[in-house]
Amino acid sequence: QVQLVESGGGLVQAGGSLRLSCTASGRRFSINTMGWYRQDPGKQRELVARITNGGLTNYADSVKGRFTISRDDAKNTVYLQMNTLKPEDAGVYFCNVNAWVGGYQNYWGQGTQVTVSS
């Protein structure tokens, strides 16, 4: 099993920045892809950004040029730097990790709230 702990959400004014972090822990696991998803009330969880273990990234069109995903494999941590935040960026952000634990499995964090005031 892999446990994920997120941090860094909060309230920020439009145009401001936040940095989300997500650290994975557990026994005998190997991380493949790490990513961040956002979920608005009543809607499905949507990909915001993802990074492979080779460092390849992809982003939702709405955040390209403003958000940057990165990872520190020594710390089993993925980051999401969010700049020039807009009210429509608000929502609950979930960390996702695809890891090998006797087979590839997906794990989710508990979610962290991001609120952007206009």
PDB file of N, CA and C in Angstrom:
ATOM      1  N   GLN A   1       0.823  -1.190   0.000  1.00  0.00           N
ATOM      2  CA  GLN A   1       0.000   0.000   0.000  1.00  0.00           C
ATOM      3  C   GLN A   1       0.866   1.251   0.000  1.00  0.00           C
ATOM      4  N   VAL A   2       0.335   2.287  -0.606  1.00  0.00           N
ATOM      5  CA  VAL A   2       0.997   3.581  -0.650  1.00  0.00           C
ATOM      6  C   VAL A   2       0.064   4.617  -0.048  1.00  0.00           C
ATOM      7  N   GLN A   3       0.592   5.413   0.851  1.00  0.00           N
ATOM      8  CA  GLN A   3      -0.179   6.498   1.450  1.00  0.00           C
ATOM      9  C   GLN A   3       0.310   7.819   0.876  1.00  0.00           C
ATOM     10  N   LEU A   4      -0.620   8.708   0.612  1.00  0.00           N
ATOM     11  CA  LEU A   4      -0.305  10.024   0.067  1.00  0.00           C
ATOM     12  C   LEU A   4      -0.767  11.107   1.024  1.00  0.00           C
ATOM     13  N   VAL A   5       0.099  12.060   1.276  1.00  0.00           N
ATOM     14  CA  VAL A   5      -0.237  13.197   2.133  1.00  0.00           C
ATOM     15  C   VAL A   5      -0.011  14.469   1.340  1.00  0.00           C
ATOM     16  N   GLU A   6      -1.086  15.258   1.216  1.00  0.00           N
ATOM     17  CA  GLU A   6      -1.032  16.501   0.455  1.00  0.00           C
ATOM     18  C   GLU A   6      -0.956  17.694   1.398  1.00  0.00           C
ATOM     19  N   SER A   7      -0.419  18.783   0.875  1.00  0.00           N
ATOM     20  CA  SER A   7      -0.405  20.041   1.615  1.00  0.00           C
ATOM     21  C   SER A   7      -0.287  21.189   0.625  1.00  0.00           C
ATOM     22  N   GLY A   8      -0.570  22.390   1.120  1.00  0.00           N
ATOM     23  CA  GLY A   8      -0.334  23.584   0.327  1.00  0.00           C
ATOM     24  C   GLY A   8      -1.559  24.293  -0.186  1.00  0.00           C
ATOM     25  N   GLY A   9      -2.738  23.727   0.001  1.00  0.00           N
ATOM     26  CA  GLY A   9      -3.935  24.419  -0.440  1.00  0.00           C
ATOM     27  C   GLY A   9      -4.237  25.606   0.446  1.00  0.00           C
ATOM     28  N   GLY A  10      -5.230  26.378   0.030  1.00  0.00           N
ATOM     29  CA  GLY A  10      -5.618  27.526   0.837  1.00  0.00           C
ATOM     30  C   GLY A  10      -6.360  28.546   0.021  1.00  0.00           C
ATOM     31  N   LEU A  11      -6.455  29.742   0.601  1.00  0.00           N
ATOM     32  CA  LEU A  11      -7.159  30.863  -0.012  1.00  0.00           C
ATOM     33  C   LEU A  11      -6.149  31.852  -0.567  1.00  0.00           C
ATOM     34  N   VAL A  12      -6.365  32.252  -1.809  1.00  0.00           N
ATOM     35  CA  VAL A  12      -5.461  33.206  -2.439  1.00  0.00           C
ATOM     36  C   VAL A  12      -6.273  34.131  -3.327  1.00  0.00           C
ATOM     37  N   GLN A  13      -5.790  35.333  -3.506  1.00  0.00           N
ATOM     38  CA  GLN A  13      -6.454  36.271  -4.406  1.00  0.00           C
ATOM     39  C   GLN A  13      -6.114  35.930  -5.854  1.00  0.00           C
ATOM     40  N   ALA A  14      -7.009  36.286  -6.739  1.00  0.00           N
ATOM     41  CA  ALA A  14      -6.754  36.092  -8.164  1.00  0.00           C
ATOM     42  C   ALA A  14      -5.435  36.772  -8.537  1.00  0.00           C
ATOM     43  N   GLY A  15      -4.637  36.067  -9.332  1.00  0.00           N
ATOM     44  CA  GLY A  15      -3.324  36.570  -9.704  1.00  0.00           C
ATOM     45  C   GLY A  15      -2.214  36.078  -8.802  1.00  0.00           C
ATOM     46  N   GLY A  16      -2.592  35.484  -7.689  1.00  0.00           N
ATOM     47  CA  GLY A  16      -1.608  34.997  -6.735  1.00  0.00           C
ATOM     48  C   GLY A  16      -1.108  33.601  -7.063  1.00  0.00           C
ATOM     49  N   SER A  17      -0.319  33.052  -6.149  1.00  0.00           N
ATOM     50  CA  SER A  17       0.311  31.745  -6.362  1.00  0.00           C
ATOM     51  C   SER A  17       0.119  30.844  -5.155  1.00  0.00           C
ATOM     52  N   LEU A  18       0.119  29.566  -5.440  1.00  0.00           N
ATOM     53  CA  LEU A  18       0.139  28.535  -4.412  1.00  0.00           C
ATOM     54  C   LEU A  18       1.016  27.393  -4.897  1.00  0.00           C
ATOM     55  N   ARG A  19       1.557  26.658  -3.943  1.00  0.00           N
ATOM     56  CA  ARG A  19       2.346  25.469  -4.281  1.00  0.00           C
ATOM     57  C   ARG A  19       1.794  24.285  -3.504  1.00  0.00           C
ATOM     58  N   LEU A  20       1.350  23.285  -4.236  1.00  0.00           N
ATOM     59  CA  LEU A  20       0.857  22.059  -3.630  1.00  0.00           C
ATOM     60  C   LEU A  20       1.978  21.026  -3.580  1.00  0.00           C
ATOM     61  N   SER A  21       1.951  20.229  -2.519  1.00  0.00           N
ATOM     62  CA  SER A  21       2.913  19.144  -2.372  1.00  0.00           C
ATOM     63  C   SER A  21       2.174  17.863  -2.046  1.00  0.00           C
ATOM     64  N   CYS A  22       2.745  16.755  -2.463  1.00  0.00           N
ATOM     65  CA  CYS A  22       2.166  15.448  -2.165  1.00  0.00           C
ATOM     66  C   CYS A  22       3.312  14.462  -1.991  1.00  0.00           C
ATOM     67  N   THR A  23       3.360  13.845  -0.813  1.00  0.00           N
ATOM     68  CA  THR A  23       4.428  12.900  -0.507  1.00  0.00           C
ATOM     69  C   THR A  23       3.863  11.505  -0.336  1.00  0.00           C
ATOM     70  N   ALA A  24       4.509  10.562  -0.998  1.00  0.00           N
ATOM     71  CA  ALA A  24       4.092   9.163  -0.925  1.00  0.00           C
ATOM     72  C   ALA A  24       4.961   8.406   0.073  1.00  0.00           C
ATOM     73  N   SER A  25       4.327   7.495   0.790  1.00  0.00           N
ATOM     74  CA  SER A  25       5.067   6.657   1.729  1.00  0.00           C
ATOM     75  C   SER A  25       4.467   5.258   1.714  1.00  0.00           C
ATOM     76  N   GLY A  26       5.257   4.305   2.162  1.00  0.00           N
ATOM     77  CA  GLY A  26       4.802   2.929   2.192  1.00  0.00           C
ATOM     78  C   GLY A  26       5.989   1.997   2.147  1.00  0.00           C
ATOM     79  N   ARG A  27       5.723   0.742   1.908  1.00  0.00           N
ATOM     80  CA  ARG A  27       6.777  -0.260   1.838  1.00  0.00           C
ATOM     81  C   ARG A  27       6.884  -0.835   0.450  1.00  0.00           C
ATOM     82  N   ARG A  28       8.109  -0.913  -0.041  1.00  0.00           N
ATOM     83  CA  ARG A  28       8.392  -1.633  -1.271  1.00  0.00           C
ATOM     84  C   ARG A  28       7.507  -1.199  -2.421  1.00  0.00           C
ATOM     85  N   PHE A  29       7.623   0.047  -2.805  1.00  0.00           N
ATOM     86  CA  PHE A  29       6.880   0.517  -3.951  1.00  0.00           C
ATOM     87  C   PHE A  29       7.799   1.300  -4.875  1.00  0.00           C
ATOM     88  N   SER A  30       7.417   1.352  -6.111  1.00  0.00           N
ATOM     89  CA  SER A  30       8.169   2.074  -7.122  1.00  0.00           C
ATOM     90  C   SER A  30       7.186   2.962  -7.872  1.00  0.00           C
ATOM     91  N   ILE A  31       7.447   4.254  -7.863  1.00  0.00           N
ATOM     92  CA  ILE A  31       6.503   5.202  -8.443  1.00  0.00           C
ATOM     93  C   ILE A  31       6.720   5.339  -9.938  1.00  0.00           C
ATOM     94  N   ASN A  32       5.633   5.315 -10.651  1.00  0.00           N
ATOM     95  CA  ASN A  32       5.656   5.528 -12.097  1.00  0.00           C
ATOM     96  C   ASN A  32       5.240   6.978 -12.370  1.00  0.00           C
ATOM     97  N   THR A  33       3.991   7.206 -12.577  1.00  0.00           N
ATOM     98  CA  THR A  33       3.490   8.542 -12.894  1.00  0.00           C
ATOM     99  C   THR A  33       2.894   9.204 -11.654  1.00  0.00           C
ATOM    100  N   MET A  34       3.090  10.510 -11.566  1.00  0.00           N
ATOM    101  CA  MET A  34       2.497  11.299 -10.487  1.00  0.00           C
ATOM    102  C   MET A  34       1.696  12.436 -11.112  1.00  0.00           C
ATOM    103  N   GLY A  35       0.606  12.799 -10.488  1.00  0.00           N
ATOM    104  CA  GLY A  35      -0.202  13.843 -11.101  1.00  0.00           C
ATOM    105  C   GLY A  35      -1.125  14.531 -10.124  1.00  0.00           C
ATOM    106  N   TRP A  36      -1.763  15.558 -10.627  1.00  0.00           N
ATOM    107  CA  TRP A  36      -2.754  16.333  -9.860  1.00  0.00           C
ATOM    108  C   TRP A  36      -4.039  16.417 -10.662  1.00  0.00           C
ATOM    109  N   TYR A  37      -5.138  16.218  -9.949  1.00  0.00           N
ATOM    110  CA  TYR A  37      -6.458  16.322 -10.541  1.00  0.00           C
ATOM    111  C   TYR A  37      -7.268  17.322  -9.734  1.00  0.00           C
ATOM    112  N   ARG A  38      -8.259  17.927 -10.373  1.00  0.00           N
ATOM    113  CA  ARG A  38      -9.158  18.846  -9.679  1.00  0.00           C
ATOM    114  C   ARG A  38     -10.593  18.358  -9.835  1.00  0.00           C
ATOM    115  N   GLN A  39     -11.334  18.514  -8.762  1.00  0.00           N
ATOM    116  CA  GLN A  39     -12.743  18.141  -8.790  1.00  0.00           C
ATOM    117  C   GLN A  39     -13.598  19.276  -8.272  1.00  0.00           C
ATOM    118  N   ASP A  40     -14.537  19.693  -9.091  1.00  0.00           N
ATOM    119  CA  ASP A  40     -15.511  20.693  -8.679  1.00  0.00           C
ATOM    120  C   ASP A  40     -16.764  19.975  -8.212  1.00  0.00           C
ATOM    121  N   PRO A  41     -17.551  20.624  -7.347  1.00  0.00           N
ATOM    122  CA  PRO A  41     -18.768  19.978  -6.833  1.00  0.00           C
ATOM    123  C   PRO A  41     -19.682  19.498  -7.955  1.00  0.00           C
ATOM    124  N   GLY A  42     -20.080  18.255  -7.883  1.00  0.00           N
ATOM    125  CA  GLY A  42     -21.001  17.708  -8.861  1.00  0.00           C
ATOM    126  C   GLY A  42     -20.381  17.331 -10.184  1.00  0.00           C
ATOM    127  N   LYS A  43     -19.062  17.442 -10.269  1.00  0.00           N
ATOM    128  CA  LYS A  43     -18.387  17.139 -11.529  1.00  0.00           C
ATOM    129  C   LYS A  43     -17.358  16.041 -11.336  1.00  0.00           C
ATOM    130  N   GLN A  44     -16.914  15.494 -12.455  1.00  0.00           N
ATOM    131  CA  GLN A  44     -15.899  14.454 -12.397  1.00  0.00           C
ATOM    132  C   GLN A  44     -14.519  15.055 -12.142  1.00  0.00           C
ATOM    133  N   ARG A  45     -13.670  14.233 -11.593  1.00  0.00           N
ATOM    134  CA  ARG A  45     -12.293  14.637 -11.369  1.00  0.00           C
ATOM    135  C   ARG A  45     -11.598  14.780 -12.730  1.00  0.00           C
ATOM    136  N   GLU A  46     -10.880  15.900 -12.888  1.00  0.00           N
ATOM    137  CA  GLU A  46     -10.231  16.172 -14.169  1.00  0.00           C
ATOM    138  C   GLU A  46      -8.731  16.339 -13.983  1.00  0.00           C
ATOM    139  N   LEU A  47      -7.976  15.885 -14.970  1.00  0.00           N
ATOM    140  CA  LEU A  47      -6.534  16.018 -14.918  1.00  0.00           C
ATOM    141  C   LEU A  47      -6.127  17.488 -15.002  1.00  0.00           C
ATOM    142  N   VAL A  48      -5.220  17.874 -14.126  1.00  0.00           N
ATOM    143  CA  VAL A  48      -4.616  19.204 -14.186  1.00  0.00           C
ATOM    144  C   VAL A  48      -3.215  19.099 -14.780  1.00  0.00           C
ATOM    145  N   ALA A  49      -2.415  18.192 -14.223  1.00  0.00           N
ATOM    146  CA  ALA A  49      -1.047  18.013 -14.712  1.00  0.00           C
ATOM    147  C   ALA A  49      -0.549  16.642 -14.287  1.00  0.00           C
ATOM    148  N   ARG A  50       0.389  16.118 -15.083  1.00  0.00           N
ATOM    149  CA  ARG A  50       0.926  14.788 -14.813  1.00  0.00           C
ATOM    150  C   ARG A  50       2.387  14.759 -15.235  1.00  0.00           C
ATOM    151  N   ILE A  51       3.171  13.969 -14.508  1.00  0.00           N
ATOM    152  CA  ILE A  51       4.592  13.849 -14.826  1.00  0.00           C
ATOM    153  C   ILE A  51       4.990  12.386 -14.716  1.00  0.00           C
ATOM    154  N   THR A  52       5.717  11.909 -15.728  1.00  0.00           N
ATOM    155  CA  THR A  52       6.151  10.515 -15.722  1.00  0.00           C
ATOM    156  C   THR A  52       7.458  10.376 -14.934  1.00  0.00           C
ATOM    157  N   ASN A  53       7.869   9.139 -14.741  1.00  0.00           N
ATOM    158  CA  ASN A  53       9.134   8.931 -14.038  1.00  0.00           C
ATOM    159  C   ASN A  53      10.318   9.324 -14.906  1.00  0.00           C
ATOM    160  N   GLY A  54      10.086   9.585 -16.170  1.00  0.00           N
ATOM    161  CA  GLY A  54      11.129  10.090 -17.060  1.00  0.00           C
ATOM    162  C   GLY A  54      11.117  11.606 -17.173  1.00  0.00           C
ATOM    163  N   GLY A  55      10.187  12.241 -16.469  1.00  0.00           N
ATOM    164  CA  GLY A  55      10.125  13.691 -16.464  1.00  0.00           C
ATOM    165  C   GLY A  55       9.244  14.306 -17.542  1.00  0.00           C
ATOM    166  N   LEU A  56       8.555  13.477 -18.307  1.00  0.00           N
ATOM    167  CA  LEU A  56       7.639  14.019 -19.308  1.00  0.00           C
ATOM    168  C   LEU A  56       6.388  14.538 -18.621  1.00  0.00           C
ATOM    169  N   THR A  57       5.928  15.689 -19.084  1.00  0.00           N
ATOM    170  CA  THR A  57       4.768  16.318 -18.453  1.00  0.00           C
ATOM    171  C   THR A  57       3.659  16.566 -19.467  1.00  0.00           C
ATOM    172  N   ASN A  58       2.440  16.603 -18.958  1.00  0.00           N
ATOM    173  CA  ASN A  58       1.344  17.116 -19.751  1.00  0.00           C
ATOM    174  C   ASN A  58       0.374  17.859 -18.838  1.00  0.00           C
ATOM    175  N   TYR A  59      -0.283  18.853 -19.427  1.00  0.00           N
ATOM    176  CA  TYR A  59      -1.121  19.769 -18.667  1.00  0.00           C
ATOM    177  C   TYR A  59      -2.482  19.924 -19.331  1.00  0.00           C
ATOM    178  N   ALA A  60      -3.458  20.239 -18.522  1.00  0.00           N
ATOM    179  CA  ALA A  60      -4.736  20.670 -19.062  1.00  0.00           C
ATOM    180  C   ALA A  60      -4.519  21.992 -19.801  1.00  0.00           C
ATOM    181  N   ASP A  61      -5.230  22.188 -20.874  1.00  0.00           N
ATOM    182  CA  ASP A  61      -5.054  23.414 -21.664  1.00  0.00           C
ATOM    183  C   ASP A  61      -5.264  24.662 -20.819  1.00  0.00           C
ATOM    184  N   SER A  62      -6.171  24.588 -19.875  1.00  0.00           N
ATOM    185  CA  SER A  62      -6.530  25.772 -19.088  1.00  0.00           C
ATOM    186  C   SER A  62      -5.416  26.244 -18.166  1.00  0.00           C
ATOM    187  N   VAL A  63      -4.428  25.385 -17.906  1.00  0.00           N
ATOM    188  CA  VAL A  63      -3.369  25.771 -16.960  1.00  0.00           C
ATOM    189  C   VAL A  63      -2.003  25.905 -17.618  1.00  0.00           C
ATOM    190  N   LYS A  64      -1.902  25.587 -18.890  1.00  0.00           N
ATOM    191  CA  LYS A  64      -0.614  25.671 -19.586  1.00  0.00           C
ATOM    192  C   LYS A  64      -0.052  27.082 -19.488  1.00  0.00           C
ATOM    193  N   GLY A  65       1.219  27.162 -19.155  1.00  0.00           N
ATOM    194  CA  GLY A  65       1.885  28.446 -19.031  1.00  0.00           C
ATOM    195  C   GLY A  65       1.753  29.078 -17.664  1.00  0.00           C
ATOM    196  N   ARG A  66       0.868  28.531 -16.825  1.00  0.00           N
ATOM    197  CA  ARG A  66       0.669  29.094 -15.485  1.00  0.00           C
ATOM    198  C   ARG A  66       1.053  28.101 -14.382  1.00  0.00           C
ATOM    199  N   PHE A  67       0.825  26.838 -14.621  1.00  0.00           N
ATOM    200  CA  PHE A  67       1.129  25.798 -13.625  1.00  0.00           C
ATOM    201  C   PHE A  67       2.354  25.006 -14.068  1.00  0.00           C
ATOM    202  N   THR A  68       3.119  24.555 -13.079  1.00  0.00           N
ATOM    203  CA  THR A  68       4.280  23.711 -13.353  1.00  0.00           C
ATOM    204  C   THR A  68       4.282  22.529 -12.398  1.00  0.00           C
ATOM    205  N   ILE A  69       4.350  21.336 -12.951  1.00  0.00           N
ATOM    206  CA  ILE A  69       4.441  20.136 -12.121  1.00  0.00           C
ATOM    207  C   ILE A  69       5.894  19.679 -12.098  1.00  0.00           C
ATOM    208  N   SER A  70       6.336  19.214 -10.939  1.00  0.00           N
ATOM    209  CA  SER A  70       7.687  18.695 -10.803  1.00  0.00           C
ATOM    210  C   SER A  70       7.675  17.582  -9.756  1.00  0.00           C
ATOM    211  N   ARG A  71       8.754  16.832  -9.702  1.00  0.00           N
ATOM    212  CA  ARG A  71       8.828  15.754  -8.730  1.00  0.00           C
ATOM    213  C   ARG A  71      10.244  15.625  -8.203  1.00  0.00           C
ATOM    214  N   ASP A  72      10.322  15.170  -6.963  1.00  0.00           N
ATOM    215  CA  ASP A  72      11.595  14.885  -6.323  1.00  0.00           C
ATOM    216  C   ASP A  72      11.543  13.412  -5.929  1.00  0.00           C
ATOM    217  N   ASP A  73      12.169  12.577  -6.717  1.00  0.00           N
ATOM    218  CA  ASP A  73      12.070  11.134  -6.495  1.00  0.00           C
ATOM    219  C   ASP A  73      12.780  10.700  -5.215  1.00  0.00           C
ATOM    220  N   ALA A  74      13.771  11.445  -4.788  1.00  0.00           N
ATOM    221  CA  ALA A  74      14.458  11.109  -3.536  1.00  0.00           C
ATOM    222  C   ALA A  74      13.525  11.280  -2.345  1.00  0.00           C
ATOM    223  N   LYS A  75      12.537  12.155  -2.503  1.00  0.00           N
ATOM    224  CA  LYS A  75      11.580  12.420  -1.428  1.00  0.00           C
ATOM    225  C   LYS A  75      10.206  11.822  -1.725  1.00  0.00           C
ATOM    226  N   ASN A  76      10.077  11.142  -2.869  1.00  0.00           N
ATOM    227  CA  ASN A  76       8.772  10.587  -3.276  1.00  0.00           C
ATOM    228  C   ASN A  76       7.685  11.653  -3.245  1.00  0.00           C
ATOM    229  N   THR A  77       8.033  12.813  -3.739  1.00  0.00           N
ATOM    230  CA  THR A  77       7.144  13.969  -3.647  1.00  0.00           C
ATOM    231  C   THR A  77       6.906  14.591  -5.013  1.00  0.00           C
ATOM    232  N   VAL A  78       5.671  14.992  -5.234  1.00  0.00           N
ATOM    233  CA  VAL A  78       5.305  15.725  -6.440  1.00  0.00           C
ATOM    234  C   VAL A  78       4.782  17.095  -6.018  1.00  0.00           C
ATOM    235  N   TYR A  79       5.112  18.097  -6.822  1.00  0.00           N
ATOM    236  CA  TYR A  79       4.725  19.471  -6.539  1.00  0.00           C
ATOM    237  C   TYR A  79       3.888  20.021  -7.699  1.00  0.00           C
ATOM    238  N   LEU A  80       3.040  20.966  -7.357  1.00  0.00           N
ATOM    239  CA  LEU A  80       2.321  21.716  -8.382  1.00  0.00           C
ATOM    240  C   LEU A  80       2.436  23.189  -8.031  1.00  0.00           C
ATOM    241  N   GLN A  81       3.239  23.896  -8.802  1.00  0.00           N
ATOM    242  CA  GLN A  81       3.366  25.336  -8.632  1.00  0.00           C
ATOM    243  C   GLN A  81       2.292  25.999  -9.473  1.00  0.00           C
ATOM    244  N   MET A  82       1.423  26.737  -8.819  1.00  0.00           N
ATOM    245  CA  MET A  82       0.304  27.371  -9.498  1.00  0.00           C
ATOM    246  C   MET A  82       0.477  28.881  -9.433  1.00  0.00           C
ATOM    247  N   ASN A  83       0.665  29.502 -10.574  1.00  0.00           N
ATOM    248  CA  ASN A  83       0.850  30.938 -10.664  1.00  0.00           C
ATOM    249  C   ASN A  83      -0.317  31.582 -11.414  1.00  0.00           C
ATOM    250  N   THR A  84      -0.444  32.871 -11.226  1.00  0.00           N
ATOM    251  CA  THR A  84      -1.492  33.647 -11.900  1.00  0.00           C
ATOM    252  C   THR A  84      -2.841  32.942 -11.773  1.00  0.00           C
ATOM    253  N   LEU A  85      -3.177  32.623 -10.546  1.00  0.00           N
ATOM    254  CA  LEU A  85      -4.394  31.863 -10.297  1.00  0.00           C
ATOM    255  C   LEU A  85      -5.635  32.659 -10.664  1.00  0.00           C
ATOM    256  N   LYS A  86      -6.618  31.929 -11.166  1.00  0.00           N
ATOM    257  CA  LYS A  86      -7.893  32.508 -11.569  1.00  0.00           C
ATOM    258  C   LYS A  86      -9.009  31.888 -10.720  1.00  0.00           C
ATOM    259  N   PRO A  87     -10.133  32.567 -10.576  1.00  0.00           N
ATOM    260  CA  PRO A  87     -11.244  31.984  -9.813  1.00  0.00           C
ATOM    261  C   PRO A  87     -11.656  30.609 -10.326  1.00  0.00           C
ATOM    262  N   GLU A  88     -11.546  30.382 -11.612  1.00  0.00           N
ATOM    263  CA  GLU A  88     -11.944  29.088 -12.169  1.00  0.00           C
ATOM    264  C   GLU A  88     -10.950  27.966 -11.850  1.00  0.00           C
ATOM    265  N   ASP A  89      -9.815  28.298 -11.266  1.00  0.00           N
ATOM    266  CA  ASP A  89      -8.862  27.274 -10.817  1.00  0.00           C
ATOM    267  C   ASP A  89      -9.268  26.678  -9.472  1.00  0.00           C
ATOM    268  N   ALA A  90     -10.220  27.288  -8.811  1.00  0.00           N
ATOM    269  CA  ALA A  90     -10.624  26.827  -7.487  1.00  0.00           C
ATOM    270  C   ALA A  90     -11.235  25.437  -7.546  1.00  0.00           C
ATOM    271  N   GLY A  91     -11.062  24.703  -6.469  1.00  0.00           N
ATOM    272  CA  GLY A  91     -11.626  23.375  -6.371  1.00  0.00           C
ATOM    273  C   GLY A  91     -10.809  22.542  -5.404  1.00  0.00           C
ATOM    274  N   VAL A  92     -11.148  21.273  -5.324  1.00  0.00           N
ATOM    275  CA  VAL A  92     -10.382  20.348  -4.506  1.00  0.00           C
ATOM    276  C   VAL A  92      -9.368  19.654  -5.411  1.00  0.00           C
ATOM    277  N   TYR A  93      -8.116  19.752  -5.027  1.00  0.00           N
ATOM    278  CA  TYR A  93      -7.037  19.153  -5.808  1.00  0.00           C
ATOM    279  C   TYR A  93      -6.611  17.833  -5.163  1.00  0.00           C
ATOM    280  N   PHE A  94      -6.549  16.821  -5.990  1.00  0.00           N
ATOM    281  CA  PHE A  94      -6.178  15.488  -5.525  1.00  0.00           C
ATOM    282  C   PHE A  94      -4.870  15.054  -6.174  1.00  0.00           C
ATOM    283  N   CYS A  95      -4.003  14.527  -5.353  1.00  0.00           N
ATOM    284  CA  CYS A  95      -2.767  13.934  -5.839  1.00  0.00           C
ATOM    285  C   CYS A  95      -3.056  12.499  -6.285  1.00  0.00           C
ATOM    286  N   ASN A  96      -2.423  12.109  -7.364  1.00  0.00           N
ATOM    287  CA  ASN A  96      -2.565  10.743  -7.862  1.00  0.00           C
ATOM    288  C   ASN A  96      -1.184  10.167  -8.140  1.00  0.00           C
ATOM    289  N   VAL A  97      -0.976   8.956  -7.690  1.00  0.00           N
ATOM    290  CA  VAL A  97       0.293   8.273  -7.927  1.00  0.00           C
ATOM    291  C   VAL A  97       0.004   6.896  -8.489  1.00  0.00           C
ATOM    292  N   ASN A  98       0.676   6.596  -9.568  1.00  0.00           N
ATOM    293  CA  ASN A  98       0.639   5.242 -10.123  1.00  0.00           C
ATOM    294  C   ASN A  98       1.938   4.569  -9.719  1.00  0.00           C
ATOM    295  N   ALA A  99       1.828   3.500  -8.947  1.00  0.00           N
ATOM    296  CA  ALA A  99       3.020   2.879  -8.382  1.00  0.00           C
ATOM    297  C   ALA A  99       2.965   1.365  -8.527  1.00  0.00           C
ATOM    298  N   TRP A 100       4.149   0.799  -8.566  1.00  0.00           N
ATOM    299  CA  TRP A 100       4.279  -0.660  -8.627  1.00  0.00           C
ATOM    300  C   TRP A 100       4.342  -1.199  -7.195  1.00  0.00           C
ATOM    301  N   VAL A 101       3.311  -1.967  -6.846  1.00  0.00           N
ATOM    302  CA  VAL A 101       3.275  -2.646  -5.556  1.00  0.00           C
ATOM    303  C   VAL A 101       2.808  -4.065  -5.855  1.00  0.00           C
ATOM    304  N   GLY A 102       3.705  -4.845  -6.448  1.00  0.00           N
ATOM    305  CA  GLY A 102       3.293  -6.176  -6.900  1.00  0.00           C
ATOM    306  C   GLY A 102       2.420  -6.112  -8.134  1.00  0.00           C
ATOM    307  N   GLY A 103       2.385  -4.966  -8.768  1.00  0.00           N
ATOM    308  CA  GLY A 103       1.551  -4.681  -9.935  1.00  0.00           C
ATOM    309  C   GLY A 103       1.268  -3.199  -9.903  1.00  0.00           C
ATOM    310  N   TYR A 104       0.968  -2.603 -11.045  1.00  0.00           N
ATOM    311  CA  TYR A 104       0.734  -1.156 -11.047  1.00  0.00           C
ATOM    312  C   TYR A 104      -0.647  -0.865 -10.468  1.00  0.00           C
ATOM    313  N   GLN A 105      -0.691   0.079  -9.546  1.00  0.00           N
ATOM    314  CA  GLN A 105      -1.939   0.484  -8.925  1.00  0.00           C
ATOM    315  C   GLN A 105      -1.988   1.999  -8.809  1.00  0.00           C
ATOM    316  N   ASN A 106      -3.201   2.537  -8.804  1.00  0.00           N
ATOM    317  CA  ASN A 106      -3.407   3.974  -8.625  1.00  0.00           C
ATOM    318  C   ASN A 106      -3.774   4.281  -7.185  1.00  0.00           C
ATOM    319  N   TYR A 107      -3.170   5.353  -6.669  1.00  0.00           N
ATOM    320  CA  TYR A 107      -3.456   5.799  -5.314  1.00  0.00           C
ATOM    321  C   TYR A 107      -3.840   7.276  -5.348  1.00  0.00           C
ATOM    322  N   TRP A 108      -4.721   7.659  -4.412  1.00  0.00           N
ATOM    323  CA  TRP A 108      -5.212   9.029  -4.353  1.00  0.00           C
ATOM    324  C   TRP A 108      -4.963   9.636  -2.981  1.00  0.00           C
ATOM    325  N   GLY A 109      -4.644  10.930  -2.996  1.00  0.00           N
ATOM    326  CA  GLY A 109      -4.562  11.664  -1.756  1.00  0.00           C
ATOM    327  C   GLY A 109      -5.941  12.039  -1.264  1.00  0.00           C
ATOM    328  N   GLN A 110      -5.988  12.692  -0.103  1.00  0.00           N
ATOM    329  CA  GLN A 110      -7.267  13.028   0.522  1.00  0.00           C
ATOM    330  C   GLN A 110      -7.889  14.285  -0.062  1.00  0.00           C
ATOM    331  N   GLY A 111      -7.112  15.024  -0.829  1.00  0.00           N
ATOM    332  CA  GLY A 111      -7.615  16.247  -1.440  1.00  0.00           C
ATOM    333  C   GLY A 111      -7.264  17.469  -0.611  1.00  0.00           C
ATOM    334  N   THR A 112      -6.975  18.546  -1.297  1.00  0.00           N
ATOM    335  CA  THR A 112      -6.697  19.819  -0.629  1.00  0.00           C
ATOM    336  C   THR A 112      -7.457  20.916  -1.354  1.00  0.00           C
ATOM    337  N   GLN A 113      -8.089  21.782  -0.568  1.00  0.00           N
ATOM    338  CA  GLN A 113      -8.958  22.814  -1.133  1.00  0.00           C
ATOM    339  C   GLN A 113      -8.143  24.017  -1.583  1.00  0.00           C
ATOM    340  N   VAL A 114      -8.435  24.458  -2.789  1.00  0.00           N
ATOM    341  CA  VAL A 114      -7.867  25.704  -3.306  1.00  0.00           C
ATOM    342  C   VAL A 114      -9.016  26.664  -3.578  1.00  0.00           C
ATOM    343  N   THR A 115      -8.950  27.828  -2.972  1.00  0.00           N
ATOM    344  CA  THR A 115      -9.974  28.852  -3.153  1.00  0.00           C
ATOM    345  C   THR A 115      -9.310  30.100  -3.700  1.00  0.00           C
ATOM    346  N   VAL A 116      -9.870  30.641  -4.771  1.00  0.00           N
ATOM    347  CA  VAL A 116      -9.306  31.828  -5.410  1.00  0.00           C
ATOM    348  C   VAL A 116     -10.374  32.911  -5.393  1.00  0.00           C
ATOM    349  N   SER A 117     -10.086  33.988  -4.700  1.00  0.00           N
ATOM    350  CA  SER A 117     -11.045  35.096  -4.619  1.00  0.00           C
ATOM    351  C   SER A 117     -10.794  36.089  -5.744  1.00  0.00           C
ATOM    352  N   SER A 118     -11.879  36.627  -6.244  1.00  0.00           N
ATOM    353  CA  SER A 118     -11.747  37.574  -7.362  1.00  0.00           C
ATOM    354  C   SER A 118     -11.667  39.006  -6.878  1.00  0.00           C
TER     355      SER A 118
END
